[in-house]
Amino acid sequence: MASRTIAGKQVQMNDEGFMTDPNEWNKEIAVEIAREEGIADLTLTHWKVIDFCRQDGLSSGKAPTLRRITTQAGISTKEMFTLFPKGPAKKVAKISGLGKPEGCV
């Protein structure tokens, strides 16, 4: 495990770049990680998904899967791939400060 400074805050991360303590997360960190993941601007729809993932992840103890996000947050799979290209569940989990979703390679 390594620590890293993101948006001026020291956070703990694993070898794959996922935060290991979701309580260290804030919106400024999300914006910076999103930029690193190729998402220049987070729209209201991005935030709807991020907020859902944070709530769901903190209550269940694990990042939600793509299927859970699409069925529970009301965002289609196609829209998820548009918002978070190339692995949306993994990418939104990283931006949301959660661990890697189960079933993601």
N, C-alpha and C. Protein backbone atom coordinates (compact mmCIF):
# COMPACT_ATOMS: atom_id res chain seq x y z
N MET A 1 0.83 -1.18 0.00
CA MET A 1 0.00 0.00 0.00
C MET A 1 0.88 1.25 0.00
N ALA A 2 0.38 2.25 -0.66
CA ALA A 2 1.15 3.50 -0.76
C ALA A 2 0.25 4.67 -0.40
N SER A 3 0.89 5.75 -0.03
CA SER A 3 0.10 6.96 0.18
C SER A 3 0.45 7.92 -0.93
N ARG A 4 -0.50 8.80 -1.21
CA ARG A 4 -0.35 9.72 -2.33
C ARG A 4 -1.10 11.01 -2.01
N THR A 5 -0.61 12.11 -2.52
CA THR A 5 -1.30 13.37 -2.33
C THR A 5 -2.18 13.63 -3.55
N ILE A 6 -3.47 13.78 -3.30
CA ILE A 6 -4.44 14.09 -4.35
C ILE A 6 -5.23 15.30 -3.88
N ALA A 7 -5.31 16.32 -4.70
CA ALA A 7 -6.04 17.55 -4.37
C ALA A 7 -5.60 18.10 -3.01
N GLY A 8 -4.30 18.01 -2.74
CA GLY A 8 -3.75 18.56 -1.52
C GLY A 8 -3.96 17.74 -0.27
N LYS A 9 -4.51 16.53 -0.41
CA LYS A 9 -4.78 15.68 0.75
C LYS A 9 -4.05 14.35 0.60
N GLN A 10 -3.42 13.91 1.68
CA GLN A 10 -2.71 12.63 1.69
C GLN A 10 -3.73 11.50 1.85
N VAL A 11 -3.74 10.53 0.91
CA VAL A 11 -4.67 9.41 0.96
C VAL A 11 -3.92 8.10 0.78
N GLN A 12 -4.48 7.03 1.31
CA GLN A 12 -3.90 5.68 1.18
C GLN A 12 -4.51 5.02 -0.05
N MET A 13 -3.65 4.39 -0.86
CA MET A 13 -4.11 3.73 -2.07
C MET A 13 -3.46 2.35 -2.17
N ASN A 14 -4.17 1.44 -2.86
CA ASN A 14 -3.58 0.13 -3.10
C ASN A 14 -2.77 0.16 -4.40
N ASP A 15 -2.22 -0.99 -4.78
CA ASP A 15 -1.36 -1.07 -5.96
C ASP A 15 -2.09 -0.76 -7.27
N GLU A 16 -3.43 -0.92 -7.27
CA GLU A 16 -4.21 -0.66 -8.48
C GLU A 16 -4.74 0.78 -8.54
N GLY A 17 -4.42 1.59 -7.53
CA GLY A 17 -4.84 2.99 -7.55
C GLY A 17 -6.20 3.26 -6.93
N PHE A 18 -6.74 2.29 -6.19
CA PHE A 18 -8.00 2.48 -5.49
C PHE A 18 -7.72 2.96 -4.07
N MET A 19 -8.49 3.93 -3.60
CA MET A 19 -8.35 4.39 -2.23
C MET A 19 -8.72 3.25 -1.29
N THR A 20 -8.00 3.13 -0.19
CA THR A 20 -8.27 2.04 0.75
C THR A 20 -9.12 2.50 1.94
N ASP A 21 -9.27 3.81 2.12
CA ASP A 21 -10.12 4.33 3.19
C ASP A 21 -11.10 5.33 2.58
N PRO A 22 -12.36 4.91 2.38
CA PRO A 22 -13.34 5.79 1.75
C PRO A 22 -13.61 7.07 2.54
N ASN A 23 -13.24 7.08 3.82
CA ASN A 23 -13.45 8.28 4.63
C ASN A 23 -12.45 9.39 4.31
N GLU A 24 -11.39 9.07 3.59
CA GLU A 24 -10.42 10.09 3.17
C GLU A 24 -10.89 10.85 1.93
N TRP A 25 -11.91 10.35 1.27
CA TRP A 25 -12.42 10.89 0.01
C TRP A 25 -13.11 12.24 0.20
N ASN A 26 -13.01 13.10 -0.82
CA ASN A 26 -13.85 14.30 -0.91
C ASN A 26 -14.07 14.61 -2.39
N LYS A 27 -14.92 15.59 -2.65
CA LYS A 27 -15.27 15.88 -4.05
C LYS A 27 -14.08 16.40 -4.86
N GLU A 28 -13.16 17.11 -4.23
CA GLU A 28 -11.98 17.60 -4.94
C GLU A 28 -11.11 16.43 -5.39
N ILE A 29 -11.00 15.42 -4.53
CA ILE A 29 -10.25 14.21 -4.89
C ILE A 29 -10.94 13.53 -6.07
N ALA A 30 -12.26 13.45 -6.04
CA ALA A 30 -13.01 12.82 -7.13
C ALA A 30 -12.73 13.52 -8.45
N VAL A 31 -12.72 14.85 -8.45
CA VAL A 31 -12.47 15.61 -9.66
C VAL A 31 -11.08 15.31 -10.21
N GLU A 32 -10.09 15.25 -9.33
CA GLU A 32 -8.72 14.99 -9.77
C GLU A 32 -8.56 13.57 -10.30
N ILE A 33 -9.15 12.59 -9.61
CA ILE A 33 -9.06 11.21 -10.10
C ILE A 33 -9.79 11.08 -11.43
N ALA A 34 -10.93 11.73 -11.57
CA ALA A 34 -11.68 11.70 -12.83
C ALA A 34 -10.81 12.22 -13.98
N ARG A 35 -10.11 13.32 -13.75
CA ARG A 35 -9.21 13.86 -14.78
C ARG A 35 -8.15 12.85 -15.17
N GLU A 36 -7.58 12.19 -14.15
CA GLU A 36 -6.56 11.17 -14.41
C GLU A 36 -7.14 10.01 -15.21
N GLU A 37 -8.43 9.75 -15.03
CA GLU A 37 -9.10 8.65 -15.74
C GLU A 37 -9.66 9.10 -17.10
N GLY A 38 -9.35 10.33 -17.50
CA GLY A 38 -9.76 10.81 -18.82
C GLY A 38 -11.11 11.50 -18.87
N ILE A 39 -11.67 11.83 -17.70
CA ILE A 39 -12.96 12.53 -17.65
C ILE A 39 -12.67 13.96 -17.20
N ALA A 40 -12.70 14.89 -18.16
CA ALA A 40 -12.30 16.27 -17.88
C ALA A 40 -13.29 17.00 -16.97
N ASP A 41 -14.57 16.80 -17.20
CA ASP A 41 -15.60 17.50 -16.42
C ASP A 41 -16.64 16.52 -15.90
N LEU A 42 -16.93 16.62 -14.61
CA LEU A 42 -17.98 15.79 -14.02
C LEU A 42 -19.30 16.55 -14.09
N THR A 43 -20.26 15.97 -14.81
CA THR A 43 -21.58 16.58 -14.97
C THR A 43 -22.48 16.19 -13.81
N LEU A 44 -23.69 16.75 -13.79
CA LEU A 44 -24.67 16.37 -12.76
C LEU A 44 -24.97 14.87 -12.81
N THR A 45 -24.99 14.31 -14.01
CA THR A 45 -25.25 12.87 -14.13
C THR A 45 -24.08 12.06 -13.57
N HIS A 46 -22.85 12.50 -13.83
CA HIS A 46 -21.70 11.84 -13.21
C HIS A 46 -21.87 11.84 -11.69
N TRP A 47 -22.21 13.00 -11.13
CA TRP A 47 -22.35 13.13 -9.67
C TRP A 47 -23.49 12.27 -9.14
N LYS A 48 -24.56 12.12 -9.93
CA LYS A 48 -25.66 11.25 -9.50
C LYS A 48 -25.15 9.82 -9.31
N VAL A 49 -24.35 9.36 -10.26
CA VAL A 49 -23.79 8.01 -10.18
C VAL A 49 -22.78 7.91 -9.04
N ILE A 50 -21.89 8.90 -8.93
CA ILE A 50 -20.88 8.90 -7.86
C ILE A 50 -21.55 8.91 -6.50
N ASP A 51 -22.55 9.77 -6.32
CA ASP A 51 -23.25 9.84 -5.03
C ASP A 51 -23.95 8.52 -4.71
N PHE A 52 -24.57 7.90 -5.73
CA PHE A 52 -25.21 6.60 -5.50
C PHE A 52 -24.16 5.57 -5.06
N CYS A 53 -23.04 5.53 -5.77
CA CYS A 53 -21.99 4.56 -5.45
C CYS A 53 -21.44 4.78 -4.05
N ARG A 54 -21.24 6.03 -3.67
CA ARG A 54 -20.74 6.32 -2.33
C ARG A 54 -21.73 5.82 -1.28
N GLN A 55 -23.00 6.16 -1.44
CA GLN A 55 -24.02 5.73 -0.48
C GLN A 55 -24.09 4.21 -0.40
N ASP A 56 -24.20 3.58 -1.56
CA ASP A 56 -24.33 2.13 -1.62
C ASP A 56 -23.08 1.45 -1.09
N GLY A 57 -21.92 1.94 -1.50
CA GLY A 57 -20.66 1.34 -1.07
C GLY A 57 -20.42 1.47 0.42
N LEU A 58 -20.75 2.63 0.98
CA LEU A 58 -20.53 2.82 2.41
C LEU A 58 -21.50 1.99 3.24
N SER A 59 -22.72 1.81 2.74
CA SER A 59 -23.68 1.02 3.52
C SER A 59 -23.43 -0.48 3.39
N SER A 60 -22.95 -0.94 2.22
CA SER A 60 -22.73 -2.38 2.03
C SER A 60 -21.29 -2.81 2.32
N GLY A 61 -20.37 -1.86 2.32
CA GLY A 61 -18.98 -2.19 2.57
C GLY A 61 -18.21 -2.58 1.32
N LYS A 62 -18.85 -2.49 0.15
CA LYS A 62 -18.15 -2.81 -1.10
C LYS A 62 -18.73 -1.96 -2.23
N ALA A 63 -17.91 -1.75 -3.24
CA ALA A 63 -18.33 -0.95 -4.39
C ALA A 63 -19.43 -1.68 -5.16
N PRO A 64 -20.45 -0.96 -5.62
CA PRO A 64 -21.52 -1.62 -6.37
C PRO A 64 -21.04 -2.08 -7.75
N THR A 65 -21.64 -3.16 -8.22
CA THR A 65 -21.34 -3.66 -9.56
C THR A 65 -22.08 -2.81 -10.59
N LEU A 66 -21.70 -2.97 -11.85
CA LEU A 66 -22.38 -2.23 -12.93
C LEU A 66 -23.87 -2.55 -12.93
N ARG A 67 -24.22 -3.81 -12.77
CA ARG A 67 -25.64 -4.20 -12.76
C ARG A 67 -26.39 -3.50 -11.63
N ARG A 68 -25.79 -3.45 -10.48
CA ARG A 68 -26.45 -2.78 -9.34
C ARG A 68 -26.63 -1.28 -9.62
N ILE A 69 -25.62 -0.66 -10.18
CA ILE A 69 -25.72 0.78 -10.50
C ILE A 69 -26.85 1.01 -11.49
N THR A 70 -26.89 0.19 -12.56
CA THR A 70 -27.91 0.43 -13.59
C THR A 70 -29.32 0.14 -13.09
N THR A 71 -29.48 -0.87 -12.24
CA THR A 71 -30.83 -1.18 -11.76
C THR A 71 -31.28 -0.26 -10.63
N GLN A 72 -30.35 0.14 -9.77
CA GLN A 72 -30.72 0.93 -8.59
C GLN A 72 -30.65 2.44 -8.81
N ALA A 73 -29.73 2.91 -9.65
CA ALA A 73 -29.56 4.36 -9.85
C ALA A 73 -30.31 4.89 -11.06
N GLY A 74 -30.88 3.97 -11.85
CA GLY A 74 -31.67 4.40 -13.00
C GLY A 74 -30.84 4.94 -14.16
N ILE A 75 -29.63 4.44 -14.30
CA ILE A 75 -28.75 4.85 -15.40
C ILE A 75 -28.55 3.62 -16.28
N SER A 76 -28.75 3.76 -17.58
CA SER A 76 -28.61 2.60 -18.47
C SER A 76 -27.14 2.21 -18.61
N THR A 77 -26.92 0.97 -19.01
CA THR A 77 -25.56 0.49 -19.23
C THR A 77 -24.88 1.32 -20.31
N LYS A 78 -25.61 1.62 -21.37
CA LYS A 78 -25.06 2.44 -22.45
C LYS A 78 -24.62 3.80 -21.92
N GLU A 79 -25.44 4.42 -21.09
CA GLU A 79 -25.09 5.73 -20.53
C GLU A 79 -23.88 5.62 -19.60
N MET A 80 -23.79 4.52 -18.85
CA MET A 80 -22.63 4.32 -17.97
C MET A 80 -21.34 4.27 -18.78
N PHE A 81 -21.37 3.58 -19.93
CA PHE A 81 -20.19 3.50 -20.77
C PHE A 81 -19.87 4.85 -21.41
N THR A 82 -20.88 5.69 -21.62
CA THR A 82 -20.66 7.03 -22.14
C THR A 82 -20.04 7.92 -21.06
N LEU A 83 -20.59 7.83 -19.84
CA LEU A 83 -20.10 8.65 -18.73
C LEU A 83 -18.72 8.22 -18.26
N PHE A 84 -18.51 6.91 -18.14
CA PHE A 84 -17.27 6.35 -17.60
C PHE A 84 -16.74 5.30 -18.58
N PRO A 85 -16.12 5.75 -19.69
CA PRO A 85 -15.69 4.82 -20.74
C PRO A 85 -14.66 3.79 -20.26
N LYS A 86 -14.67 2.64 -20.94
CA LYS A 86 -13.68 1.58 -20.71
C LYS A 86 -13.68 1.07 -19.28
N GLY A 87 -14.74 0.42 -18.89
CA GLY A 87 -14.82 -0.15 -17.54
C GLY A 87 -15.52 0.76 -16.57
N PRO A 88 -16.80 1.05 -16.78
CA PRO A 88 -17.49 2.05 -15.96
C PRO A 88 -17.58 1.73 -14.48
N ALA A 89 -17.84 0.49 -14.10
CA ALA A 89 -17.99 0.18 -12.67
C ALA A 89 -16.66 0.38 -11.95
N LYS A 90 -15.59 -0.07 -12.57
CA LYS A 90 -14.26 0.07 -11.99
C LYS A 90 -13.87 1.54 -11.91
N LYS A 91 -14.14 2.28 -12.99
CA LYS A 91 -13.75 3.69 -13.05
C LYS A 91 -14.54 4.52 -12.04
N VAL A 92 -15.85 4.30 -11.94
CA VAL A 92 -16.66 5.09 -11.00
C VAL A 92 -16.31 4.71 -9.56
N ALA A 93 -15.96 3.46 -9.31
CA ALA A 93 -15.54 3.06 -7.96
C ALA A 93 -14.27 3.80 -7.56
N LYS A 94 -13.34 3.91 -8.49
CA LYS A 94 -12.07 4.61 -8.22
C LYS A 94 -12.35 6.08 -7.94
N ILE A 95 -13.17 6.71 -8.77
CA ILE A 95 -13.50 8.13 -8.60
C ILE A 95 -14.28 8.36 -7.31
N SER A 96 -15.08 7.38 -6.92
CA SER A 96 -15.91 7.49 -5.71
C SER A 96 -15.14 7.19 -4.42
N GLY A 97 -13.88 6.80 -4.55
CA GLY A 97 -13.07 6.52 -3.37
C GLY A 97 -13.36 5.17 -2.74
N LEU A 98 -13.90 4.25 -3.56
CA LEU A 98 -14.25 2.92 -3.07
C LEU A 98 -13.26 1.91 -3.62
N GLY A 99 -13.31 0.70 -3.10
CA GLY A 99 -12.45 -0.36 -3.61
C GLY A 99 -12.93 -0.86 -4.96
N LYS A 100 -12.17 -1.75 -5.53
CA LYS A 100 -12.50 -2.34 -6.82
C LYS A 100 -13.76 -3.21 -6.67
N PRO A 101 -14.73 -3.03 -7.58
CA PRO A 101 -15.96 -3.84 -7.49
C PRO A 101 -15.67 -5.33 -7.69
N GLU A 102 -16.43 -6.17 -7.03
CA GLU A 102 -16.28 -7.61 -7.19
C GLU A 102 -16.61 -7.98 -8.63
N GLY A 103 -15.85 -8.89 -9.19
CA GLY A 103 -16.11 -9.35 -10.55
C GLY A 103 -15.38 -8.54 -11.60
N CYS A 104 -14.74 -7.44 -11.24
CA CYS A 104 -13.98 -6.64 -12.21
C CYS A 104 -12.59 -7.24 -12.34
N VAL A 105 -12.13 -7.30 -13.57
CA VAL A 105 -10.81 -7.86 -13.84
C VAL A 105 -9.74 -6.82 -13.62
